[in-house]
Amino acid sequence: MGGELLPPDEAGPDDVVLAWGGADVVAVRLPQLADSLDHILAAMERKRGMPLADLDRKAKQEVVRVLEARGAFSVRHGVETVASALGVSRFTVYNYLNRDKA
């Protein structure tokens, strides 16, 4: 997901500091969720060997199902980001999501 290890004295307020034996050992800086979604989309493109926008409708629906299972739509602007990557409208993404629930 793109986390970064830092010396504990460089940890910010949103970083996670890990301790061992009572001493701070390392800090972990987690990426912003929106950045993680971009990483997930890029990985899906690499796996499929083509831009997601070039997939057929059935494959795009499968991408939406996988992304929903991974929590992509809980991220602010997640639907818009996915719609842009798939080359479809937000309305279409919502249709794909609702289709699976029917």
C-alpha atoms as a PDB file:
ATOM      1  CA  MET A   1       0.000   0.000   0.000  1.00  0.00           C
ATOM      2  CA  GLY A   2       2.999   2.289  -0.040  1.00  0.00           C
ATOM      3  CA  GLY A   3       3.766   2.766   3.672  1.00  0.00           C
ATOM      4  CA  GLU A   4       7.078   4.377   4.632  1.00  0.00           C
ATOM      5  CA  LEU A   5       9.398   3.556   7.552  1.00  0.00           C
ATOM      6  CA  LEU A   6      10.892   6.473   9.493  1.00  0.00           C
ATOM      7  CA  PRO A   7      13.052   6.953  12.561  1.00  0.00           C
ATOM      8  CA  PRO A   8      10.711   7.311  15.555  1.00  0.00           C
ATOM      9  CA  ASP A   9      11.884  10.866  16.293  1.00  0.00           C
ATOM     10  CA  GLU A  10      10.659  11.946  12.821  1.00  0.00           C
ATOM     11  CA  ALA A  11       7.127  10.634  13.390  1.00  0.00           C
ATOM     12  CA  GLY A  12       4.269  13.007  12.780  1.00  0.00           C
ATOM     13  CA  PRO A  13       0.919  13.055  14.541  1.00  0.00           C
ATOM     14  CA  ASP A  14      -0.680  10.682  12.004  1.00  0.00           C
ATOM     15  CA  ASP A  15       2.218   8.184  11.976  1.00  0.00           C
ATOM     16  CA  VAL A  16       2.216   4.904  13.886  1.00  0.00           C
ATOM     17  CA  VAL A  17       5.198   4.439  16.222  1.00  0.00           C
ATOM     18  CA  LEU A  18       6.134   0.829  16.971  1.00  0.00           C
ATOM     19  CA  ALA A  19       7.914  -0.070  20.196  1.00  0.00           C
ATOM     20  CA  TRP A  20       9.933  -3.136  21.197  1.00  0.00           C
ATOM     21  CA  GLY A  21      10.900  -3.822  24.777  1.00  0.00           C
ATOM     22  CA  GLY A  22       9.588  -0.442  25.880  1.00  0.00           C
ATOM     23  CA  ALA A  23      11.660   1.551  23.378  1.00  0.00           C
ATOM     24  CA  ASP A  24      10.364   3.217  20.205  1.00  0.00           C
ATOM     25  CA  VAL A  25      11.950   1.402  17.271  1.00  0.00           C
ATOM     26  CA  VAL A  26      10.371   2.657  14.068  1.00  0.00           C
ATOM     27  CA  ALA A  27       7.564   4.880  12.818  1.00  0.00           C
ATOM     28  CA  VAL A  28       5.291   3.902   9.967  1.00  0.00           C
ATOM     29  CA  ARG A  29       3.780   6.573   7.747  1.00  0.00           C
ATOM     30  CA  LEU A  30       0.734   5.202   6.000  1.00  0.00           C
ATOM     31  CA  PRO A  31      -0.335   6.657   2.662  1.00  0.00           C
ATOM     32  CA  GLN A  32      -3.494   8.656   2.314  1.00  0.00           C
ATOM     33  CA  LEU A  33      -6.392   6.424   1.290  1.00  0.00           C
ATOM     34  CA  ALA A  34      -6.869   8.303  -1.972  1.00  0.00           C
ATOM     35  CA  ASP A  35      -3.230   7.602  -2.882  1.00  0.00           C
ATOM     36  CA  SER A  36      -3.812   3.926  -2.087  1.00  0.00           C
ATOM     37  CA  LEU A  37      -6.723   3.837  -4.534  1.00  0.00           C
ATOM     38  CA  ASP A  38      -4.446   5.187  -7.267  1.00  0.00           C
ATOM     39  CA  HIS A  39      -1.930   2.421  -6.442  1.00  0.00           C
ATOM     40  CA  ILE A  40      -4.670  -0.227  -6.587  1.00  0.00           C
ATOM     41  CA  LEU A  41      -5.928   1.040  -9.947  1.00  0.00           C
ATOM     42  CA  ALA A  42      -2.389   1.101 -11.378  1.00  0.00           C
ATOM     43  CA  ALA A  43      -1.789  -2.463 -10.155  1.00  0.00           C
ATOM     44  CA  MET A  44      -5.034  -3.612 -11.767  1.00  0.00           C
ATOM     45  CA  GLU A  45      -3.953  -2.074 -15.066  1.00  0.00           C
ATOM     46  CA  ARG A  46      -0.562  -3.789 -14.869  1.00  0.00           C
ATOM     47  CA  LYS A  47      -2.217  -7.124 -14.074  1.00  0.00           C
ATOM     48  CA  ARG A  48      -4.598  -6.850 -17.001  1.00  0.00           C
ATOM     49  CA  GLY A  49      -1.943  -5.500 -19.345  1.00  0.00           C
ATOM     50  CA  MET A  50      -4.057  -2.613 -20.607  1.00  0.00           C
ATOM     51  CA  PRO A  51      -5.723   0.579 -19.434  1.00  0.00           C
ATOM     52  CA  LEU A  52      -8.893  -0.140 -17.485  1.00  0.00           C
ATOM     53  CA  ALA A  53     -10.791   2.165 -19.835  1.00  0.00           C
ATOM     54  CA  ASP A  54     -10.087  -0.302 -22.679  1.00  0.00           C
ATOM     55  CA  LEU A  55     -11.812  -3.218 -20.926  1.00  0.00           C
ATOM     56  CA  ASP A  56     -15.209  -4.471 -22.046  1.00  0.00           C
ATOM     57  CA  ARG A  57     -18.304  -3.861 -19.930  1.00  0.00           C
ATOM     58  CA  LYS A  58     -18.205  -7.242 -18.188  1.00  0.00           C
ATOM     59  CA  ALA A  59     -14.552  -6.768 -17.192  1.00  0.00           C
ATOM     60  CA  LYS A  60     -15.280  -3.254 -15.919  1.00  0.00           C
ATOM     61  CA  GLN A  61     -18.100  -4.642 -13.776  1.00  0.00           C
ATOM     62  CA  GLU A  62     -15.665  -7.179 -12.318  1.00  0.00           C
ATOM     63  CA  VAL A  63     -13.168  -4.389 -11.562  1.00  0.00           C
ATOM     64  CA  VAL A  64     -15.904  -2.494  -9.702  1.00  0.00           C
ATOM     65  CA  ARG A  65     -16.783  -5.627  -7.695  1.00  0.00           C
ATOM     66  CA  VAL A  66     -13.137  -6.128  -6.696  1.00  0.00           C
ATOM     67  CA  LEU A  67     -12.730  -2.462  -5.790  1.00  0.00           C
ATOM     68  CA  GLU A  68     -15.893  -2.481  -3.706  1.00  0.00           C
ATOM     69  CA  ALA A  69     -14.623  -5.522  -1.790  1.00  0.00           C
ATOM     70  CA  ARG A  70     -11.369  -3.648  -1.119  1.00  0.00           C
ATOM     71  CA  GLY A  71     -13.190  -0.578   0.211  1.00  0.00           C
ATOM     72  CA  ALA A  72     -12.415   1.734  -2.697  1.00  0.00           C
ATOM     73  CA  PHE A  73     -15.759   3.462  -2.496  1.00  0.00           C
ATOM     74  CA  SER A  74     -15.331   4.468   1.134  1.00  0.00           C
ATOM     75  CA  VAL A  75     -12.588   6.861   0.021  1.00  0.00           C
ATOM     76  CA  ARG A  76     -13.610  10.430  -0.654  1.00  0.00           C
ATOM     77  CA  HIS A  77     -14.118  10.846  -4.414  1.00  0.00           C
ATOM     78  CA  GLY A  78     -13.636   7.091  -4.843  1.00  0.00           C
ATOM     79  CA  VAL A  79     -16.488   6.743  -7.318  1.00  0.00           C
ATOM     80  CA  GLU A  80     -15.192   9.656  -9.388  1.00  0.00           C
ATOM     81  CA  THR A  81     -11.643   8.281  -9.371  1.00  0.00           C
ATOM     82  CA  VAL A  82     -12.784   4.817 -10.451  1.00  0.00           C
ATOM     83  CA  ALA A  83     -15.139   6.221 -13.080  1.00  0.00           C
ATOM     84  CA  SER A  84     -12.297   8.235 -14.575  1.00  0.00           C
ATOM     85  CA  ALA A  85      -9.974   5.205 -14.636  1.00  0.00           C
ATOM     86  CA  LEU A  86     -12.668   3.072 -16.295  1.00  0.00           C
ATOM     87  CA  GLY A  87     -13.618   5.771 -18.789  1.00  0.00           C
ATOM     88  CA  VAL A  88     -17.254   5.737 -17.670  1.00  0.00           C
ATOM     89  CA  SER A  89     -19.565   8.084 -15.808  1.00  0.00           C
ATOM     90  CA  ARG A  90     -20.189   8.077 -12.063  1.00  0.00           C
ATOM     91  CA  PHE A  91     -23.729   7.007 -12.874  1.00  0.00           C
ATOM     92  CA  THR A  92     -22.375   3.905 -14.634  1.00  0.00           C
ATOM     93  CA  VAL A  93     -20.223   2.985 -11.617  1.00  0.00           C
ATOM     94  CA  TYR A  94     -23.268   3.346  -9.353  1.00  0.00           C
ATOM     95  CA  ASN A  95     -25.237   1.136 -11.767  1.00  0.00           C
ATOM     96  CA  TYR A  96     -22.517  -1.517 -11.574  1.00  0.00           C
ATOM     97  CA  LEU A  97     -22.601  -1.336  -7.770  1.00  0.00           C
ATOM     98  CA  ASN A  98     -26.391  -1.515  -7.598  1.00  0.00           C
ATOM     99  CA  ARG A  99     -26.541  -4.328 -10.154  1.00  0.00           C
ATOM    100  CA  ASP A 100     -24.554  -6.592  -7.819  1.00  0.00           C
ATOM    101  CA  LYS A 101     -26.883  -5.832  -4.910  1.00  0.00           C
ATOM    102  CA  ALA A 102     -30.051  -6.684  -6.857  1.00  0.00           C
END
